[in-house]
């Protein structure tokens, strides 16, 4: 064997040895593979995080937050730690700054009832807070809580009938109003077992637009207000109807996140008009469905052949029976039935 072949053989052996040595070092330094689906253990305390996106003005309930382990090197003093935190003291607070889903909740992001600016933080942009008096019967027996959405009903008696009997009616004149507080309370009362305690209250604070606030103020002088609790599914159904009818325009090419946020804002808006109503005739055959006019005998009649003074003939004058002819002589107007004498 010549020297050239020996040199090539030794070089190949050397390269193979170096490659094997490097591969061994890499294998020994690599971490042991973990089983698929095995949860990663986080070495740190449990902190309070948001279970969903919490926009500004959200009233915190027990489903909005949970405790979750967090890396101890990332824990800040403003976080709520499981040790020393009672969720009952957090429920009922209002989000001051938006909190993304899965992110820790800081103490400065929440406003507690009684703190300065609490109610202002609970209101959305351009919204107002208005308080209405209610009773146990008109407030769904106390089963309306902060964060729920209600319709507002107006019950009144409309007078003006010829027989003196008023028209009894109820109408839904406002829809989808968010409840901010009941008797100045913004959280659900719970007992020692964590069950919700239902208590009667005398006032309810609602989130409305400035125009709706004016209508509620007038409605309190017209009749009696009552609350009607809405289902959570109603907003989605009404939103689909509004999109189908063209009332809500969803622009094309919008980012999915922005579109979702826009639809959520539309679904949460209070609405007025297009309300239903019921009269006494809808519940009893002995009640009426409208206010009748005054009987014919109560109206001022015009005597044939008698001049009509200015202002008599018109809206305040009675309607003669049968065809008539109006005869004008200067400023005097005479009403003559057909076939009569002037």
C-alpha atoms as a PDB file:
ATOM      1  CA  UNK A   1       0.000   0.000   0.000  1.00  0.00           C
ATOM      2  CA  UNK A   2       1.483   3.330  -1.003  1.00  0.00           C
ATOM      3  CA  UNK A   3       1.811   6.282   1.309  1.00  0.00           C
ATOM      4  CA  UNK A   4      -1.050   8.269  -0.253  1.00  0.00           C
ATOM      5  CA  UNK A   5      -3.664   5.625   0.542  1.00  0.00           C
ATOM      6  CA  UNK A   6      -2.367   5.287   4.090  1.00  0.00           C
ATOM      7  CA  UNK A   7      -2.637   9.068   4.573  1.00  0.00           C
ATOM      8  CA  UNK A   8      -6.274   9.141   3.336  1.00  0.00           C
ATOM      9  CA  UNK A   9      -7.209   6.222   5.613  1.00  0.00           C
ATOM     10  CA  UNK A  10      -5.701   7.857   8.685  1.00  0.00           C
ATOM     11  CA  UNK A  11      -7.477  11.151   7.868  1.00  0.00           C
ATOM     12  CA  UNK A  12     -10.842   9.409   7.527  1.00  0.00           C
ATOM     13  CA  UNK A  13     -10.390   7.656  10.851  1.00  0.00           C
ATOM     14  CA  UNK A  14      -9.467  10.936  12.505  1.00  0.00           C
ATOM     15  CA  UNK A  15     -12.555  12.738  11.145  1.00  0.00           C
ATOM     16  CA  UNK A  16     -14.793   9.881  12.261  1.00  0.00           C
ATOM     17  CA  UNK A  17     -13.317   9.967  15.777  1.00  0.00           C
ATOM     18  CA  UNK A  18     -13.816  13.732  16.113  1.00  0.00           C
ATOM     19  CA  UNK A  19     -17.429  13.454  14.908  1.00  0.00           C
ATOM     20  CA  UNK A  20     -18.203  10.673  17.395  1.00  0.00           C
ATOM     21  CA  UNK A  21     -16.640  12.672  20.258  1.00  0.00           C
ATOM     22  CA  UNK A  22     -18.694  15.775  19.469  1.00  0.00           C
ATOM     23  CA  UNK A  23     -21.923  13.769  19.126  1.00  0.00           C
ATOM     24  CA  UNK A  24     -21.286  12.182  22.533  1.00  0.00           C
ATOM     25  CA  UNK A  25     -20.804  15.560  24.183  1.00  0.00           C
ATOM     26  CA  UNK A  26     -24.016  16.901  22.643  1.00  0.00           C
ATOM     27  CA  UNK A  27     -26.027  13.908  23.784  1.00  0.00           C
ATOM     28  CA  UNK A  28     -24.691  14.035  27.331  1.00  0.00           C
ATOM     29  CA  UNK A  29     -25.383  17.798  27.695  1.00  0.00           C
ATOM     30  CA  UNK A  30     -28.942  17.720  26.282  1.00  0.00           C
ATOM     31  CA  UNK A  31     -31.816  17.663  28.804  1.00  0.00           C
ATOM     32  CA  UNK A  32     -33.840  14.530  29.185  1.00  0.00           C
ATOM     33  CA  UNK A  33     -36.904  14.521  26.934  1.00  0.00           C
ATOM     34  CA  UNK A  34     -40.257  15.028  28.690  1.00  0.00           C
ATOM     35  CA  UNK A  35     -43.356  13.012  28.025  1.00  0.00           C
ATOM     36  CA  UNK A  36     -45.819  14.520  25.570  1.00  0.00           C
ATOM     37  CA  UNK A  37     -48.630  16.403  27.310  1.00  0.00           C
ATOM     38  CA  UNK A  38     -46.874  16.493  30.675  1.00  0.00           C
ATOM     39  CA  UNK A  39     -47.665  19.847  32.386  1.00  0.00           C
ATOM     40  CA  UNK A  40     -44.798  22.190  33.116  1.00  0.00           C
ATOM     41  CA  UNK A  41     -44.369  22.782  36.827  1.00  0.00           C
ATOM     42  CA  UNK A  42     -43.977  26.490  37.675  1.00  0.00           C
ATOM     43  CA  UNK A  43     -41.944  27.227  40.756  1.00  0.00           C
ATOM     44  CA  UNK A  44     -43.706  30.227  42.215  1.00  0.00           C
ATOM     45  CA  UNK A  45     -46.654  31.464  44.286  1.00  0.00           C
ATOM     46  CA  UNK A  46     -50.256  31.548  43.060  1.00  0.00           C
ATOM     47  CA  UNK A  47     -51.425  34.961  41.886  1.00  0.00           C
ATOM     48  CA  UNK A  48     -54.819  36.251  40.801  1.00  0.00           C
ATOM     49  CA  UNK A  49     -55.230  36.290  36.988  1.00  0.00           C
ATOM     50  CA  UNK A  50     -58.084  37.166  34.631  1.00  0.00           C
ATOM     51  CA  UNK A  51     -59.962  34.205  33.170  1.00  0.00           C
ATOM     52  CA  UNK A  52     -61.131  36.379  30.241  1.00  0.00           C
ATOM     53  CA  UNK A  53     -60.473  39.794  28.786  1.00  0.00           C
ATOM     54  CA  UNK A  54     -61.726  42.437  31.232  1.00  0.00           C
ATOM     55  CA  UNK A  55     -62.365  45.820  29.588  1.00  0.00           C
ATOM     56  CA  UNK A  56     -62.605  49.068  31.502  1.00  0.00           C
ATOM     57  CA  UNK A  57     -65.792  49.300  33.559  1.00  0.00           C
ATOM     58  CA  UNK A  58     -66.248  45.553  34.062  1.00  0.00           C
ATOM     59  CA  UNK A  59     -67.836  44.628  37.387  1.00  0.00           C
ATOM     60  CA  UNK A  60     -65.813  41.728  38.796  1.00  0.00           C
ATOM     61  CA  UNK A  61     -67.676  38.531  39.644  1.00  0.00           C
ATOM     62  CA  UNK A  62     -66.418  35.130  40.812  1.00  0.00           C
ATOM     63  CA  UNK A  63     -66.056  33.806  37.242  1.00  0.00           C
ATOM     64  CA  UNK A  64     -63.770  36.622  36.067  1.00  0.00           C
ATOM     65  CA  UNK A  65     -60.728  35.726  38.209  1.00  0.00           C
ATOM     66  CA  UNK A  66     -58.796  32.689  39.427  1.00  0.00           C
ATOM     67  CA  UNK A  67     -55.535  31.870  41.213  1.00  0.00           C
ATOM     68  CA  UNK A  68     -52.724  30.458  39.087  1.00  0.00           C
ATOM     69  CA  UNK A  69     -49.022  29.634  39.760  1.00  0.00           C
ATOM     70  CA  UNK A  70     -46.663  32.332  38.504  1.00  0.00           C
ATOM     71  CA  UNK A  71     -42.848  32.347  38.167  1.00  0.00           C
ATOM     72  CA  UNK A  72     -41.471  33.767  41.386  1.00  0.00           C
ATOM     73  CA  UNK A  73     -38.932  35.950  39.574  1.00  0.00           C
ATOM     74  CA  UNK A  74     -41.828  37.702  37.733  1.00  0.00           C
ATOM     75  CA  UNK A  75     -44.048  38.272  40.765  1.00  0.00           C
ATOM     76  CA  UNK A  76     -44.559  41.934  41.646  1.00  0.00           C
ATOM     77  CA  UNK A  77     -45.730  43.510  44.873  1.00  0.00           C
ATOM     78  CA  UNK A  78     -48.909  44.806  43.202  1.00  0.00           C
ATOM     79  CA  UNK A  79     -50.183  41.279  42.446  1.00  0.00           C
ATOM     80  CA  UNK A  80     -52.884  39.604  44.500  1.00  0.00           C
ATOM     81  CA  UNK A  81     -51.337  36.497  46.138  1.00  0.00           C
ATOM     82  CA  UNK A  82     -53.482  33.605  47.312  1.00  0.00           C
ATOM     83  CA  UNK A  83     -51.957  33.963  50.747  1.00  0.00           C
ATOM     84  CA  UNK A  84     -53.590  36.987  52.281  1.00  0.00           C
ATOM     85  CA  UNK A  85     -56.235  37.570  49.568  1.00  0.00           C
ATOM     86  CA  UNK A  86     -59.947  36.975  50.082  1.00  0.00           C
ATOM     87  CA  UNK A  87     -61.884  36.794  46.808  1.00  0.00           C
ATOM     88  CA  UNK A  88     -64.976  38.147  48.557  1.00  0.00           C
ATOM     89  CA  UNK A  89     -63.159  41.473  48.888  1.00  0.00           C
ATOM     90  CA  UNK A  90     -62.345  41.523  45.172  1.00  0.00           C
ATOM     91  CA  UNK A  91     -65.786  40.573  43.857  1.00  0.00           C
ATOM     92  CA  UNK A  92     -67.809  43.718  43.185  1.00  0.00           C
ATOM     93  CA  UNK A  93     -64.833  45.896  42.314  1.00  0.00           C
ATOM     94  CA  UNK A  94     -64.622  47.642  38.947  1.00  0.00           C
ATOM     95  CA  UNK A  95     -61.833  47.404  36.366  1.00  0.00           C
ATOM     96  CA  UNK A  96     -60.080  50.744  35.987  1.00  0.00           C
ATOM     97  CA  UNK A  97     -57.525  49.617  33.367  1.00  0.00           C
ATOM     98  CA  UNK A  98     -58.107  46.893  30.768  1.00  0.00           C
ATOM     99  CA  UNK A  99     -56.756  43.459  31.770  1.00  0.00           C
ATOM    100  CA  UNK A 100     -55.932  40.867  29.050  1.00  0.00           C
ATOM    101  CA  UNK A 101     -57.022  37.268  29.558  1.00  0.00           C
ATOM    102  CA  UNK A 102     -54.521  35.175  31.532  1.00  0.00           C
ATOM    103  CA  UNK A 103     -52.625  38.186  32.880  1.00  0.00           C
ATOM    104  CA  UNK A 104     -52.175  38.957  36.596  1.00  0.00           C
ATOM    105  CA  UNK A 105     -54.507  41.488  38.162  1.00  0.00           C
ATOM    106  CA  UNK A 106     -52.803  44.398  39.882  1.00  0.00           C
ATOM    107  CA  UNK A 107     -54.265  46.248  42.826  1.00  0.00           C
ATOM    108  CA  UNK A 108     -54.180  49.530  40.951  1.00  0.00           C
ATOM    109  CA  UNK A 109     -56.322  48.097  38.130  1.00  0.00           C
ATOM    110  CA  UNK A 110     -59.367  47.703  40.396  1.00  0.00           C
ATOM    111  CA  UNK A 111     -61.531  50.269  42.136  1.00  0.00           C
ATOM    112  CA  UNK A 112     -63.373  49.239  45.303  1.00  0.00           C
ATOM    113  CA  UNK A 113     -66.868  50.407  46.244  1.00  0.00           C
ATOM    114  CA  UNK A 114     -66.648  53.552  48.294  1.00  0.00           C
ATOM    115  CA  UNK A 115     -63.386  54.645  46.695  1.00  0.00           C
ATOM    116  CA  UNK A 116     -63.283  57.976  44.956  1.00  0.00           C
ATOM    117  CA  UNK A 117     -64.210  57.658  41.291  1.00  0.00           C
ATOM    118  CA  UNK A 118     -65.700  54.179  41.698  1.00  0.00           C
ATOM    119  CA  UNK A 119     -68.960  54.831  39.853  1.00  0.00           C
ATOM    120  CA  UNK A 120     -67.231  56.921  37.180  1.00  0.00           C
ATOM    121  CA  UNK A 121     -64.887  53.985  36.484  1.00  0.00           C
ATOM    122  CA  UNK A 122     -67.850  51.630  36.137  1.00  0.00           C
ATOM    123  CA  UNK A 123     -69.428  53.787  33.433  1.00  0.00           C
ATOM    124  CA  UNK A 124     -68.560  53.319  29.782  1.00  0.00           C
ATOM    125  CA  UNK A 125     -67.479  56.198  27.574  1.00  0.00           C
ATOM    126  CA  UNK A 126     -70.330  58.659  27.022  1.00  0.00           C
ATOM    127  CA  UNK A 127     -72.624  56.880  29.497  1.00  0.00           C
ATOM    128  CA  UNK A 128     -74.438  58.168  32.552  1.00  0.00           C
ATOM    129  CA  UNK A 129     -75.694  56.645  35.809  1.00  0.00           C
ATOM    130  CA  UNK A 130     -79.313  57.114  36.847  1.00  0.00           C
ATOM    131  CA  UNK A 131     -81.088  55.700  39.897  1.00  0.00           C
ATOM    132  CA  UNK A 132     -84.727  54.599  39.854  1.00  0.00           C
ATOM    133  CA  UNK A 133     -86.929  53.560  42.791  1.00  0.00           C
ATOM    134  CA  UNK A 134     -88.248  49.979  42.756  1.00  0.00           C
ATOM    135  CA  UNK A 135     -90.132  47.600  44.999  1.00  0.00           C
ATOM    136  CA  UNK A 136     -89.808  43.872  45.595  1.00  0.00           C
ATOM    137  CA  UNK A 137     -92.497  43.257  42.986  1.00  0.00           C
ATOM    138  CA  UNK A 138     -91.078  45.632  40.371  1.00  0.00           C
ATOM    139  CA  UNK A 139     -87.467  44.411  40.825  1.00  0.00           C
ATOM    140  CA  UNK A 140     -87.998  40.687  40.078  1.00  0.00           C
ATOM    141  CA  UNK A 141     -88.162  39.946  43.819  1.00  0.00           C
ATOM    142  CA  UNK A 142     -84.532  40.950  44.301  1.00  0.00           C
ATOM    143  CA  UNK A 143     -83.103  38.535  41.701  1.00  0.00           C
ATOM    144  CA  UNK A 144     -81.510  41.382  39.728  1.00  0.00           C
ATOM    145  CA  UNK A 145     -77.823  41.832  40.588  1.00  0.00           C
ATOM    146  CA  UNK A 146     -75.066  44.244  39.501  1.00  0.00           C
ATOM    147  CA  UNK A 147     -73.838  43.311  36.037  1.00  0.00           C
ATOM    148  CA  UNK A 148     -77.210  41.964  34.885  1.00  0.00           C
ATOM    149  CA  UNK A 149     -79.116  43.541  32.021  1.00  0.00           C
ATOM    150  CA  UNK A 150     -82.760  44.533  32.260  1.00  0.00           C
ATOM    151  CA  UNK A 151     -85.598  46.076  30.273  1.00  0.00           C
ATOM    152  CA  UNK A 152     -87.529  48.993  31.752  1.00  0.00           C
ATOM    153  CA  UNK A 153     -91.341  48.907  31.799  1.00  0.00           C
ATOM    154  CA  UNK A 154     -93.690  51.861  32.319  1.00  0.00           C
ATOM    155  CA  UNK A 155     -97.182  51.221  33.714  1.00  0.00           C
ATOM    156  CA  UNK A 156     -99.711  54.045  33.633  1.00  0.00           C
ATOM    157  CA  UNK A 157    -103.406  54.919  33.488  1.00  0.00           C
ATOM    158  CA  UNK A 158    -104.339  57.158  30.559  1.00  0.00           C
ATOM    159  CA  UNK A 159    -107.352  59.344  31.284  1.00  0.00           C
ATOM    160  CA  UNK A 160    -109.534  61.212  28.790  1.00  0.00           C
ATOM    161  CA  UNK A 161    -112.293  58.732  27.989  1.00  0.00           C
ATOM    162  CA  UNK A 162    -115.816  59.973  27.540  1.00  0.00           C
ATOM    163  CA  UNK A 163    -117.114  57.680  30.292  1.00  0.00           C
ATOM    164  CA  UNK A 164    -114.354  58.717  32.699  1.00  0.00           C
ATOM    165  CA  UNK A 165    -112.728  55.273  32.857  1.00  0.00           C
ATOM    166  CA  UNK A 166    -108.955  55.419  32.197  1.00  0.00           C
ATOM    167  CA  UNK A 167    -106.994  53.176  29.849  1.00  0.00           C
ATOM    168  CA  UNK A 168    -104.612  50.854  31.699  1.00  0.00           C
ATOM    169  CA  UNK A 169    -101.414  50.108  29.795  1.00  0.00           C
ATOM    170  CA  UNK A 170     -97.830  48.893  30.199  1.00  0.00           C
ATOM    171  CA  UNK A 171     -95.071  49.364  27.645  1.00  0.00           C
ATOM    172  CA  UNK A 172     -91.430  48.324  27.356  1.00  0.00           C
ATOM    173  CA  UNK A 173     -89.817  51.615  26.429  1.00  0.00           C
ATOM    174  CA  UNK A 174     -86.134  50.850  27.180  1.00  0.00           C
ATOM    175  CA  UNK A 175     -84.106  47.687  26.594  1.00  0.00           C
ATOM    176  CA  UNK A 176     -80.739  46.193  27.498  1.00  0.00           C
ATOM    177  CA  UNK A 177     -79.792  48.454  30.409  1.00  0.00           C
ATOM    178  CA  UNK A 178     -76.832  47.380  32.551  1.00  0.00           C
ATOM    179  CA  UNK A 179     -77.350  47.324  36.310  1.00  0.00           C
ATOM    180  CA  UNK A 180     -74.521  49.087  38.131  1.00  0.00           C
ATOM    181  CA  UNK A 181     -75.699  48.822  41.720  1.00  0.00           C
ATOM    182  CA  UNK A 182     -78.656  47.930  43.913  1.00  0.00           C
ATOM    183  CA  UNK A 183     -79.096  50.064  47.024  1.00  0.00           C
ATOM    184  CA  UNK A 184     -75.502  51.347  46.587  1.00  0.00           C
ATOM    185  CA  UNK A 185     -74.170  47.762  46.544  1.00  0.00           C
ATOM    186  CA  UNK A 186     -72.159  46.532  43.570  1.00  0.00           C
ATOM    187  CA  UNK A 187     -71.626  42.882  44.551  1.00  0.00           C
ATOM    188  CA  UNK A 188     -73.716  39.830  45.302  1.00  0.00           C
ATOM    189  CA  UNK A 189     -74.164  39.064  48.974  1.00  0.00           C
ATOM    190  CA  UNK A 190     -73.112  35.496  49.839  1.00  0.00           C
ATOM    191  CA  UNK A 191     -73.438  33.381  52.951  1.00  0.00           C
ATOM    192  CA  UNK A 192     -70.790  31.258  54.683  1.00  0.00           C
ATOM    193  CA  UNK A 193     -71.256  28.480  52.121  1.00  0.00           C
ATOM    194  CA  UNK A 194     -70.752  30.814  49.176  1.00  0.00           C
ATOM    195  CA  UNK A 195     -74.413  30.782  48.103  1.00  0.00           C
ATOM    196  CA  UNK A 196     -76.005  33.976  46.805  1.00  0.00           C
ATOM    197  CA  UNK A 197     -78.284  35.717  49.287  1.00  0.00           C
ATOM    198  CA  UNK A 198     -81.331  37.359  47.717  1.00  0.00           C
ATOM    199  CA  UNK A 199     -82.320  40.592  49.448  1.00  0.00           C
ATOM    200  CA  UNK A 200     -84.993  43.109  48.579  1.00  0.00           C
ATOM    201  CA  UNK A 201     -83.866  46.632  47.727  1.00  0.00           C
ATOM    202  CA  UNK A 202     -85.513  49.974  47.053  1.00  0.00           C
ATOM    203  CA  UNK A 203     -83.290  51.559  44.372  1.00  0.00           C
ATOM    204  CA  UNK A 204     -81.428  50.395  41.277  1.00  0.00           C
ATOM    205  CA  UNK A 205     -78.665  52.329  39.497  1.00  0.00           C
ATOM    206  CA  UNK A 206     -78.566  51.842  35.719  1.00  0.00           C
ATOM    207  CA  UNK A 207     -76.046  52.705  33.004  1.00  0.00           C
ATOM    208  CA  UNK A 208     -77.723  54.738  30.252  1.00  0.00           C
ATOM    209  CA  UNK A 209     -77.064  57.338  27.577  1.00  0.00           C
ATOM    210  CA  UNK A 210     -77.770  61.019  28.343  1.00  0.00           C
ATOM    211  CA  UNK A 211     -80.970  60.952  26.258  1.00  0.00           C
ATOM    212  CA  UNK A 212     -82.228  57.797  27.977  1.00  0.00           C
ATOM    213  CA  UNK A 213     -81.519  59.402  31.359  1.00  0.00           C
ATOM    214  CA  UNK A 214     -83.887  62.217  30.403  1.00  0.00           C
ATOM    215  CA  UNK A 215     -86.586  59.753  29.380  1.00  0.00           C
ATOM    216  CA  UNK A 216     -86.306  57.832  32.638  1.00  0.00           C
ATOM    217  CA  UNK A 217     -86.623  61.064  34.613  1.00  0.00           C
ATOM    218  CA  UNK A 218     -89.839  61.931  32.770  1.00  0.00           C
ATOM    219  CA  UNK A 219     -91.170  58.368  33.002  1.00  0.00           C
ATOM    220  CA  UNK A 220     -90.997  58.487  36.814  1.00  0.00           C
ATOM    221  CA  UNK A 221     -93.539  61.346  36.759  1.00  0.00           C
ATOM    222  CA  UNK A 222     -95.832  59.575  34.278  1.00  0.00           C
ATOM    223  CA  UNK A 223     -96.313  56.187  35.931  1.00  0.00           C
ATOM    224  CA  UNK A 224     -94.669  53.285  37.738  1.00  0.00           C
ATOM    225  CA  UNK A 225     -91.373  51.739  36.588  1.00  0.00           C
ATOM    226  CA  UNK A 226     -90.647  48.011  36.689  1.00  0.00           C
ATOM    227  CA  UNK A 227     -87.615  45.885  35.797  1.00  0.00           C
ATOM    228  CA  UNK A 228     -87.667  42.896  33.467  1.00  0.00           C
ATOM    229  CA  UNK A 229     -84.571  40.670  33.694  1.00  0.00           C
ATOM    230  CA  UNK A 230     -83.057  39.774  30.311  1.00  0.00           C
ATOM    231  CA  UNK A 231     -81.578  36.455  29.267  1.00  0.00           C
ATOM    232  CA  UNK A 232     -77.903  36.358  28.302  1.00  0.00           C
ATOM    233  CA  UNK A 233     -78.866  34.833  24.934  1.00  0.00           C
ATOM    234  CA  UNK A 234     -81.136  37.766  24.028  1.00  0.00           C
ATOM    235  CA  UNK A 235     -78.254  40.094  23.162  1.00  0.00           C
ATOM    236  CA  UNK A 236     -76.770  37.670  20.630  1.00  0.00           C
ATOM    237  CA  UNK A 237     -80.152  37.116  18.961  1.00  0.00           C
ATOM    238  CA  UNK A 238     -80.978  40.820  18.716  1.00  0.00           C
ATOM    239  CA  UNK A 239     -77.487  41.555  17.402  1.00  0.00           C
ATOM    240  CA  UNK A 240     -77.938  39.037  14.585  1.00  0.00           C
ATOM    241  CA  UNK A 241     -81.286  40.609  13.691  1.00  0.00           C
ATOM    242  CA  UNK A 242     -79.725  44.091  13.668  1.00  0.00           C
ATOM    243  CA  UNK A 243     -76.915  42.930  11.353  1.00  0.00           C
ATOM    244  CA  UNK A 244     -79.366  41.157   9.034  1.00  0.00           C
ATOM    245  CA  UNK A 245     -81.613  44.235   8.808  1.00  0.00           C
ATOM    246  CA  UNK A 246     -78.661  46.541   8.106  1.00  0.00           C
ATOM    247  CA  UNK A 247     -79.078  48.496  11.340  1.00  0.00           C
ATOM    248  CA  UNK A 248     -75.539  47.477  12.325  1.00  0.00           C
ATOM    249  CA  UNK A 249     -72.930  47.727   9.565  1.00  0.00           C
ATOM    250  CA  UNK A 250     -69.925  45.411   9.907  1.00  0.00           C
ATOM    251  CA  UNK A 251     -67.163  46.725   7.608  1.00  0.00           C
ATOM    252  CA  UNK A 252     -65.345  44.281   5.356  1.00  0.00           C
ATOM    253  CA  UNK A 253     -61.692  43.469   5.884  1.00  0.00           C
ATOM    254  CA  UNK A 254     -61.773  44.311   9.579  1.00  0.00           C
ATOM    255  CA  UNK A 255     -59.342  42.583  11.874  1.00  0.00           C
ATOM    256  CA  UNK A 256     -61.148  39.696  13.648  1.00  0.00           C
ATOM    257  CA  UNK A 257     -60.213  41.006  17.091  1.00  0.00           C
ATOM    258  CA  UNK A 258     -61.410  44.523  16.269  1.00  0.00           C
ATOM    259  CA  UNK A 259     -64.599  43.141  14.738  1.00  0.00           C
ATOM    260  CA  UNK A 260     -65.292  41.033  17.832  1.00  0.00           C
ATOM    261  CA  UNK A 261     -64.732  44.029  20.095  1.00  0.00           C
ATOM    262  CA  UNK A 262     -67.026  46.175  17.928  1.00  0.00           C
ATOM    263  CA  UNK A 263     -69.811  43.592  18.030  1.00  0.00           C
ATOM    264  CA  UNK A 264     -69.443  43.299  21.804  1.00  0.00           C
ATOM    265  CA  UNK A 265     -69.867  47.068  22.160  1.00  0.00           C
ATOM    266  CA  UNK A 266     -72.965  47.042  19.956  1.00  0.00           C
ATOM    267  CA  UNK A 267     -74.496  44.145  21.872  1.00  0.00           C
ATOM    268  CA  UNK A 268     -73.948  45.975  25.160  1.00  0.00           C
ATOM    269  CA  UNK A 269     -75.566  49.246  24.122  1.00  0.00           C
ATOM    270  CA  UNK A 270     -78.939  50.228  25.622  1.00  0.00           C
ATOM    271  CA  UNK A 271     -81.738  50.674  23.106  1.00  0.00           C
ATOM    272  CA  UNK A 272     -84.885  52.757  23.044  1.00  0.00           C
ATOM    273  CA  UNK A 273     -87.941  52.762  20.855  1.00  0.00           C
ATOM    274  CA  UNK A 274     -89.489  49.796  19.052  1.00  0.00           C
ATOM    275  CA  UNK A 275     -90.893  48.687  22.382  1.00  0.00           C
ATOM    276  CA  UNK A 276     -93.927  46.483  22.806  1.00  0.00           C
ATOM    277  CA  UNK A 277     -96.991  47.410  24.863  1.00  0.00           C
ATOM    278  CA  UNK A 278    -100.085  45.828  26.337  1.00  0.00           C
ATOM    279  CA  UNK A 279    -103.420  47.341  27.305  1.00  0.00           C
ATOM    280  CA  UNK A 280    -106.181  46.230  29.635  1.00  0.00           C
ATOM    281  CA  UNK A 281    -108.027  44.553  26.759  1.00  0.00           C
ATOM    282  CA  UNK A 282    -105.056  42.210  26.227  1.00  0.00           C
ATOM    283  CA  UNK A 283    -105.580  40.619  29.643  1.00  0.00           C
ATOM    284  CA  UNK A 284    -109.310  41.042  30.235  1.00  0.00           C
ATOM    285  CA  UNK A 285    -112.339  41.255  27.952  1.00  0.00           C
ATOM    286  CA  UNK A 286    -113.863  43.773  30.343  1.00  0.00           C
ATOM    287  CA  UNK A 287    -111.061  46.312  29.785  1.00  0.00           C
ATOM    288  CA  UNK A 288    -110.595  48.608  26.824  1.00  0.00           C
ATOM    289  CA  UNK A 289    -107.848  48.779  24.217  1.00  0.00           C
ATOM    290  CA  UNK A 290    -107.967  52.537  23.555  1.00  0.00           C
ATOM    291  CA  UNK A 291    -109.319  55.791  24.963  1.00  0.00           C
ATOM    292  CA  UNK A 292    -112.729  56.556  23.397  1.00  0.00           C
ATOM    293  CA  UNK A 293    -113.722  60.017  22.329  1.00  0.00           C
ATOM    294  CA  UNK A 294    -116.361  62.147  23.962  1.00  0.00           C
ATOM    295  CA  UNK A 295    -119.970  61.190  23.295  1.00  0.00           C
ATOM    296  CA  UNK A 296    -121.921  63.159  20.650  1.00  0.00           C
ATOM    297  CA  UNK A 297    -124.192  64.696  23.294  1.00  0.00           C
ATOM    298  CA  UNK A 298    -121.232  66.327  25.056  1.00  0.00           C
ATOM    299  CA  UNK A 299    -120.095  68.209  21.942  1.00  0.00           C
ATOM    300  CA  UNK A 300    -121.327  71.765  21.208  1.00  0.00           C
ATOM    301  CA  UNK A 301    -123.820  71.639  18.331  1.00  0.00           C
ATOM    302  CA  UNK A 302    -124.517  74.317  15.748  1.00  0.00           C
ATOM    303  CA  UNK A 303    -128.158  75.373  15.479  1.00  0.00           C
ATOM    304  CA  UNK A 304    -129.408  75.636  11.912  1.00  0.00           C
ATOM    305  CA  UNK A 305    -130.086  79.218  10.884  1.00  0.00           C
ATOM    306  CA  UNK A 306    -128.025  80.682  13.733  1.00  0.00           C
ATOM    307  CA  UNK A 307    -124.937  82.676  12.681  1.00  0.00           C
ATOM    308  CA  UNK A 308    -121.602  81.064  13.618  1.00  0.00           C
ATOM    309  CA  UNK A 309    -119.365  83.364  15.609  1.00  0.00           C
ATOM    310  CA  UNK A 310    -115.632  83.469  14.749  1.00  0.00           C
ATOM    311  CA  UNK A 311    -113.815  80.546  16.353  1.00  0.00           C
ATOM    312  CA  UNK A 312    -116.944  78.453  16.842  1.00  0.00           C
ATOM    313  CA  UNK A 313    -116.815  76.584  13.584  1.00  0.00           C
ATOM    314  CA  UNK A 314    -113.779  74.339  13.583  1.00  0.00           C
ATOM    315  CA  UNK A 315    -112.156  71.831  15.906  1.00  0.00           C
ATOM    316  CA  UNK A 316    -114.327  72.840  18.882  1.00  0.00           C
ATOM    317  CA  UNK A 317    -117.612  72.785  17.005  1.00  0.00           C
ATOM    318  CA  UNK A 318    -119.934  69.824  16.844  1.00  0.00           C
ATOM    319  CA  UNK A 319    -120.620  67.937  13.681  1.00  0.00           C
ATOM    320  CA  UNK A 320    -124.192  68.481  12.384  1.00  0.00           C
ATOM    321  CA  UNK A 321    -126.225  65.442  11.451  1.00  0.00           C
ATOM    322  CA  UNK A 322    -126.848  65.194   7.700  1.00  0.00           C
ATOM    323  CA  UNK A 323    -125.633  67.374   4.807  1.00  0.00           C
ATOM    324  CA  UNK A 324    -125.403  71.125   5.389  1.00  0.00           C
ATOM    325  CA  UNK A 325    -124.676  74.276   3.411  1.00  0.00           C
ATOM    326  CA  UNK A 326    -122.583  77.153   4.739  1.00  0.00           C
ATOM    327  CA  UNK A 327    -123.982  80.535   3.707  1.00  0.00           C
ATOM    328  CA  UNK A 328    -121.715  83.582   4.158  1.00  0.00           C
ATOM    329  CA  UNK A 329    -123.084  87.138   4.276  1.00  0.00           C
ATOM    330  CA  UNK A 330    -120.183  89.417   4.973  1.00  0.00           C
ATOM    331  CA  UNK A 331    -118.637  88.324   8.258  1.00  0.00           C
ATOM    332  CA  UNK A 332    -121.644  86.190   9.206  1.00  0.00           C
ATOM    333  CA  UNK A 333    -121.592  82.475   8.414  1.00  0.00           C
ATOM    334  CA  UNK A 334    -124.815  80.470   8.663  1.00  0.00           C
ATOM    335  CA  UNK A 335    -125.034  76.707   8.639  1.00  0.00           C
ATOM    336  CA  UNK A 336    -128.198  75.482   6.917  1.00  0.00           C
ATOM    337  CA  UNK A 337    -129.147  71.815   6.559  1.00  0.00           C
ATOM    338  CA  UNK A 338    -129.956  70.761   3.040  1.00  0.00           C
ATOM    339  CA  UNK A 339    -133.631  71.475   2.405  1.00  0.00           C
ATOM    340  CA  UNK A 340    -133.956  74.021   5.218  1.00  0.00           C
ATOM    341  CA  UNK A 341    -134.560  77.788   5.103  1.00  0.00           C
ATOM    342  CA  UNK A 342    -131.947  80.462   5.683  1.00  0.00           C
END
